[in-house]
Amino acid sequence: MLMVGNPQMEDVAKLTKNTFTKDTGIKVNFTVLPENELRDKVTQDIATQAGQYDVATIGAYEVPIWEKNGWLHELDSYADKDTGFDKADLLKPMVQPADVVFDCVARERSMAQATDLVAKGHIVVVGVGAAGTTPIRLDLIQDRELRIEGTLMYTAEDYRAALSLIVSGAVDTDEIVTATYALEDAAQAFAAATDPQHVKVLVTVDGP
């Protein structure tokens, strides 16, 4: 499994070892790369259909780009062809609806799944906003008395912690910043930021 190096993905690796591997006996090997390297690697593998990894993580940034290029396919299409895959068993551990469901994709299918999985009178939290319009079933929201809430991905405390790490030198920003533009070239900077080859694009301001 190819994944980006961040605390959330480190938790995934730990949970995989402590639960999935423990329950199934299947060992998962993880390859961790910085965000910019992972994005280039996965995009190249998907575009050439010659990837060496069984599973790779992607973010909300890549989803619309890959969807536009026809690189995304619904899991159902693969599961239907695999006689050894039991769809009914996928959510078997969930013996009752959840009080809170986090939708970190915010697409029509994920929102439909979220509203199906959440208990009546409880909450669906949208953690990542997708560009464009995402249809939802308002009749189900009303009938099941559900609440849809949005949440910021990063809090003020997260920013303070990140700045402290940068100031201390613990984080090498040279590996993250892939382009720098002067203030008068801000329009070019925004255009460059849409290029998947870039990770972080900065606009510099001279003087106070």
Protein backbone atom coordinates (compact mmCIF):
# COMPACT_ATOMS: atom_id res chain seq x y z
CA MET A 1 0.00 0.00 0.00
CA LEU A 2 1.37 3.38 -1.03
CA MET A 3 0.44 6.25 1.26
CA VAL A 4 1.41 9.81 2.14
CA GLY A 5 3.45 10.41 5.28
CA ASN A 6 1.18 12.14 7.77
CA PRO A 7 -0.24 11.34 11.25
CA GLN A 8 -3.60 10.19 9.86
CA MET A 9 -2.01 7.65 7.53
CA GLU A 10 0.28 6.49 10.33
CA ASP A 11 -2.88 5.74 12.31
CA VAL A 12 -4.19 3.75 9.34
CA ALA A 13 -1.03 1.64 9.34
CA LYS A 14 -1.32 0.99 13.09
CA LEU A 15 -5.01 0.11 12.89
CA THR A 16 -4.36 -2.19 9.94
CA LYS A 17 -1.77 -4.10 11.92
CA ASN A 18 -3.81 -4.19 15.13
CA THR A 19 -7.15 -5.16 13.57
CA PHE A 20 -7.08 -6.25 9.91
CA THR A 21 -3.86 -8.28 10.09
CA LYS A 22 -4.78 -9.68 13.49
CA ASP A 23 -8.22 -10.80 12.32
CA THR A 24 -7.32 -12.06 8.84
CA GLY A 25 -3.66 -13.01 9.09
CA ILE A 26 -2.98 -10.92 5.98
CA LYS A 27 0.11 -8.72 6.31
CA VAL A 28 0.04 -5.33 4.60
CA ASN A 29 3.31 -3.66 3.59
CA PHE A 30 3.27 0.13 3.54
CA THR A 31 5.41 2.45 1.41
CA VAL A 32 5.41 6.04 2.72
CA LEU A 33 6.27 9.01 0.48
CA PRO A 34 6.08 12.82 0.83
CA GLU A 35 2.89 14.28 -0.67
CA ASN A 36 4.49 15.66 -3.83
CA GLU A 37 6.35 12.42 -4.60
CA LEU A 38 3.29 10.29 -3.93
CA ARG A 39 1.10 12.44 -6.17
CA ASP A 40 3.56 12.14 -9.09
CA LYS A 41 4.05 8.41 -8.54
CA VAL A 42 0.38 7.52 -8.28
CA THR A 43 -0.67 9.75 -11.19
CA GLN A 44 1.99 8.16 -13.40
CA ASP A 45 0.98 4.64 -12.37
CA ILE A 46 -2.72 5.30 -12.97
CA ALA A 47 -2.16 7.03 -16.32
CA THR A 48 0.04 4.19 -17.62
CA GLN A 49 -1.97 1.43 -15.91
CA ALA A 50 1.32 -0.03 -14.75
CA GLY A 51 1.27 0.53 -11.00
CA GLN A 52 3.26 -1.69 -8.65
CA TYR A 53 0.95 -1.13 -5.65
CA ASP A 54 -2.31 -2.88 -4.83
CA VAL A 55 -3.67 0.13 -2.92
CA ALA A 56 -2.73 3.83 -3.01
CA THR A 57 -4.18 6.75 -1.09
CA ILE A 58 -5.31 9.90 -2.88
CA GLY A 59 -6.76 13.17 -1.64
CA ALA A 60 -9.74 15.32 -2.51
CA TYR A 61 -7.48 17.36 -4.84
CA GLU A 62 -6.84 14.41 -7.16
CA VAL A 63 -10.40 13.03 -7.29
CA PRO A 64 -11.95 15.56 -9.73
CA ILE A 65 -8.82 15.56 -11.93
CA TRP A 66 -8.74 11.79 -12.19
CA GLU A 67 -12.50 11.60 -12.67
CA LYS A 68 -12.22 14.02 -15.61
CA ASN A 69 -9.54 11.82 -17.19
CA GLY A 70 -11.60 8.67 -16.73
CA TRP A 71 -9.14 7.13 -14.27
CA LEU A 72 -11.68 6.45 -11.52
CA HIS A 73 -13.94 3.41 -11.54
CA GLU A 74 -16.62 2.36 -9.09
CA LEU A 75 -15.67 -0.49 -6.79
CA ASP A 76 -18.98 -2.17 -7.65
CA SER A 77 -17.82 -2.88 -11.20
CA TYR A 78 -14.85 -4.87 -9.87
CA ALA A 79 -16.74 -6.52 -7.02
CA ASP A 80 -19.41 -7.81 -9.41
CA LYS A 81 -16.74 -9.67 -11.40
CA ASP A 82 -15.01 -11.13 -8.33
CA THR A 83 -16.84 -14.25 -7.19
CA GLY A 84 -14.85 -14.23 -3.96
CA PHE A 85 -15.99 -10.75 -2.92
CA ASP A 86 -19.03 -10.65 -0.62
CA LYS A 87 -20.61 -7.20 -0.66
CA ALA A 88 -22.94 -8.10 2.16
CA ASP A 89 -19.95 -8.91 4.34
CA LEU A 90 -18.29 -5.52 3.74
CA LEU A 91 -20.34 -3.76 6.43
CA LYS A 92 -21.09 -6.84 8.51
CA PRO A 93 -19.18 -5.61 11.61
CA MET A 94 -21.59 -2.66 11.74
CA VAL A 95 -24.45 -4.34 13.61
CA GLN A 96 -26.33 -1.09 14.10
CA PRO A 97 -26.39 2.39 12.50
CA ALA A 98 -23.71 4.86 13.60
CA ASP A 99 -24.43 7.98 15.63
CA VAL A 100 -21.98 9.98 13.51
CA VAL A 101 -20.78 9.29 9.96
CA PHE A 102 -17.91 11.28 8.43
CA ASP A 103 -18.05 11.85 4.68
CA CYS A 104 -14.52 12.73 3.60
CA VAL A 105 -15.25 12.58 -0.14
CA ALA A 106 -18.51 14.54 -0.49
CA ARG A 107 -19.64 12.90 -3.70
CA GLU A 108 -23.18 11.74 -4.51
CA ARG A 109 -22.43 8.08 -3.79
CA SER A 110 -20.56 8.75 -0.53
CA MET A 111 -23.34 11.03 0.73
CA ALA A 112 -25.91 8.36 -0.12
CA GLN A 113 -23.89 5.80 1.84
CA ALA A 114 -23.51 8.21 4.76
CA THR A 115 -27.25 8.84 5.03
CA ASP A 116 -27.87 5.09 4.83
CA LEU A 117 -25.38 4.28 7.59
CA VAL A 118 -26.25 6.98 10.13
CA ALA A 119 -28.87 6.35 12.81
CA LYS A 120 -32.18 8.20 12.73
CA GLY A 121 -31.94 11.61 14.36
CA HIS A 122 -28.14 11.70 14.21
CA ILE A 123 -25.37 13.43 12.26
CA VAL A 124 -23.49 13.24 8.96
CA VAL A 125 -20.29 15.33 9.11
CA VAL A 126 -18.79 16.57 5.84
CA GLY A 127 -15.03 16.87 6.35
CA VAL A 128 -13.87 17.54 2.78
CA GLY A 129 -15.81 19.65 0.32
CA ALA A 130 -15.82 18.54 -3.31
CA ALA A 131 -15.92 21.11 -6.09
CA GLY A 132 -19.24 21.51 -7.84
CA THR A 133 -22.71 20.34 -6.80
CA THR A 134 -23.29 17.18 -4.76
CA PRO A 135 -26.89 15.88 -4.87
CA ILE A 136 -28.41 14.66 -1.59
CA ARG A 137 -31.73 13.05 -0.74
CA LEU A 138 -33.57 15.78 1.16
CA ASP A 139 -36.58 13.49 1.61
CA LEU A 140 -34.39 11.06 3.58
CA ILE A 141 -32.82 13.89 5.56
CA GLN A 142 -36.28 15.10 6.57
CA ASP A 143 -37.88 11.70 7.16
CA ARG A 144 -34.99 10.35 9.26
CA GLU A 145 -34.45 13.68 11.04
CA LEU A 146 -30.78 13.79 10.13
CA ARG A 147 -28.36 16.69 10.57
CA ILE A 148 -25.71 17.52 7.96
CA GLU A 149 -22.78 19.44 9.45
CA GLY A 150 -19.59 20.81 7.93
CA THR A 151 -16.27 20.96 9.71
CA LEU A 152 -12.94 22.61 8.96
CA MET A 153 -10.13 20.20 8.18
CA TYR A 154 -7.68 22.26 10.22
CA THR A 155 -8.21 24.30 13.38
CA ALA A 156 -6.35 27.35 14.68
CA GLU A 157 -4.43 25.07 17.05
CA ASP A 158 -3.30 22.94 14.09
CA TYR A 159 -1.91 26.04 12.37
CA ARG A 160 -0.06 27.11 15.52
CA ALA A 161 1.49 23.66 15.87
CA ALA A 162 2.50 23.64 12.18
CA LEU A 163 4.13 27.08 12.43
CA SER A 164 6.06 25.98 15.51
CA LEU A 165 7.40 22.94 13.64
CA ILE A 166 8.47 25.10 10.70
CA VAL A 167 10.19 27.67 12.93
CA SER A 168 12.02 24.92 14.83
CA GLY A 169 13.32 23.42 11.59
CA ALA A 170 11.60 20.09 12.21
CA VAL A 171 9.76 20.47 8.89
CA ASP A 172 11.75 21.12 5.72
CA THR A 173 9.50 23.45 3.72
CA ASP A 174 11.80 23.21 0.69
CA GLU A 175 10.34 19.73 0.08
CA ILE A 176 6.79 21.11 0.09
CA VAL A 177 7.02 24.45 -1.74
CA THR A 178 7.28 23.68 -5.45
CA ALA A 179 6.83 27.20 -6.88
CA THR A 180 7.16 30.82 -5.70
CA TYR A 181 5.68 33.94 -7.33
CA ALA A 182 5.91 37.67 -6.64
CA LEU A 183 2.75 39.47 -5.53
CA GLU A 184 2.28 41.08 -8.94
CA ASP A 185 2.24 37.58 -10.46
CA ALA A 186 -0.45 36.28 -8.11
CA ALA A 187 -2.75 35.36 -11.01
CA GLN A 188 -0.05 33.08 -12.40
CA ALA A 189 0.40 31.56 -8.96
CA PHE A 190 -3.28 30.63 -8.75
CA ALA A 191 -3.10 29.10 -12.22
CA ALA A 192 -0.01 27.11 -11.25
CA ALA A 193 -1.73 25.85 -8.10
CA THR A 194 -4.21 23.92 -10.28
CA ASP A 195 -1.36 21.95 -11.86
CA PRO A 196 -1.09 18.51 -10.17
CA GLN A 197 2.70 18.75 -10.53
CA HIS A 198 2.71 21.34 -7.74
CA VAL A 199 2.21 20.70 -4.04
CA LYS A 200 2.39 24.17 -2.46
CA VAL A 201 2.61 27.43 -4.41
CA LEU A 202 3.64 30.58 -2.51
CA VAL A 203 3.10 34.26 -3.23
CA THR A 204 5.84 36.43 -1.71
CA VAL A 205 5.36 39.98 -0.45
CA ASP A 206 8.32 42.34 -0.17
CA GLY A 207 8.32 44.86 2.65
CA PRO A 208 5.96 45.25 5.61
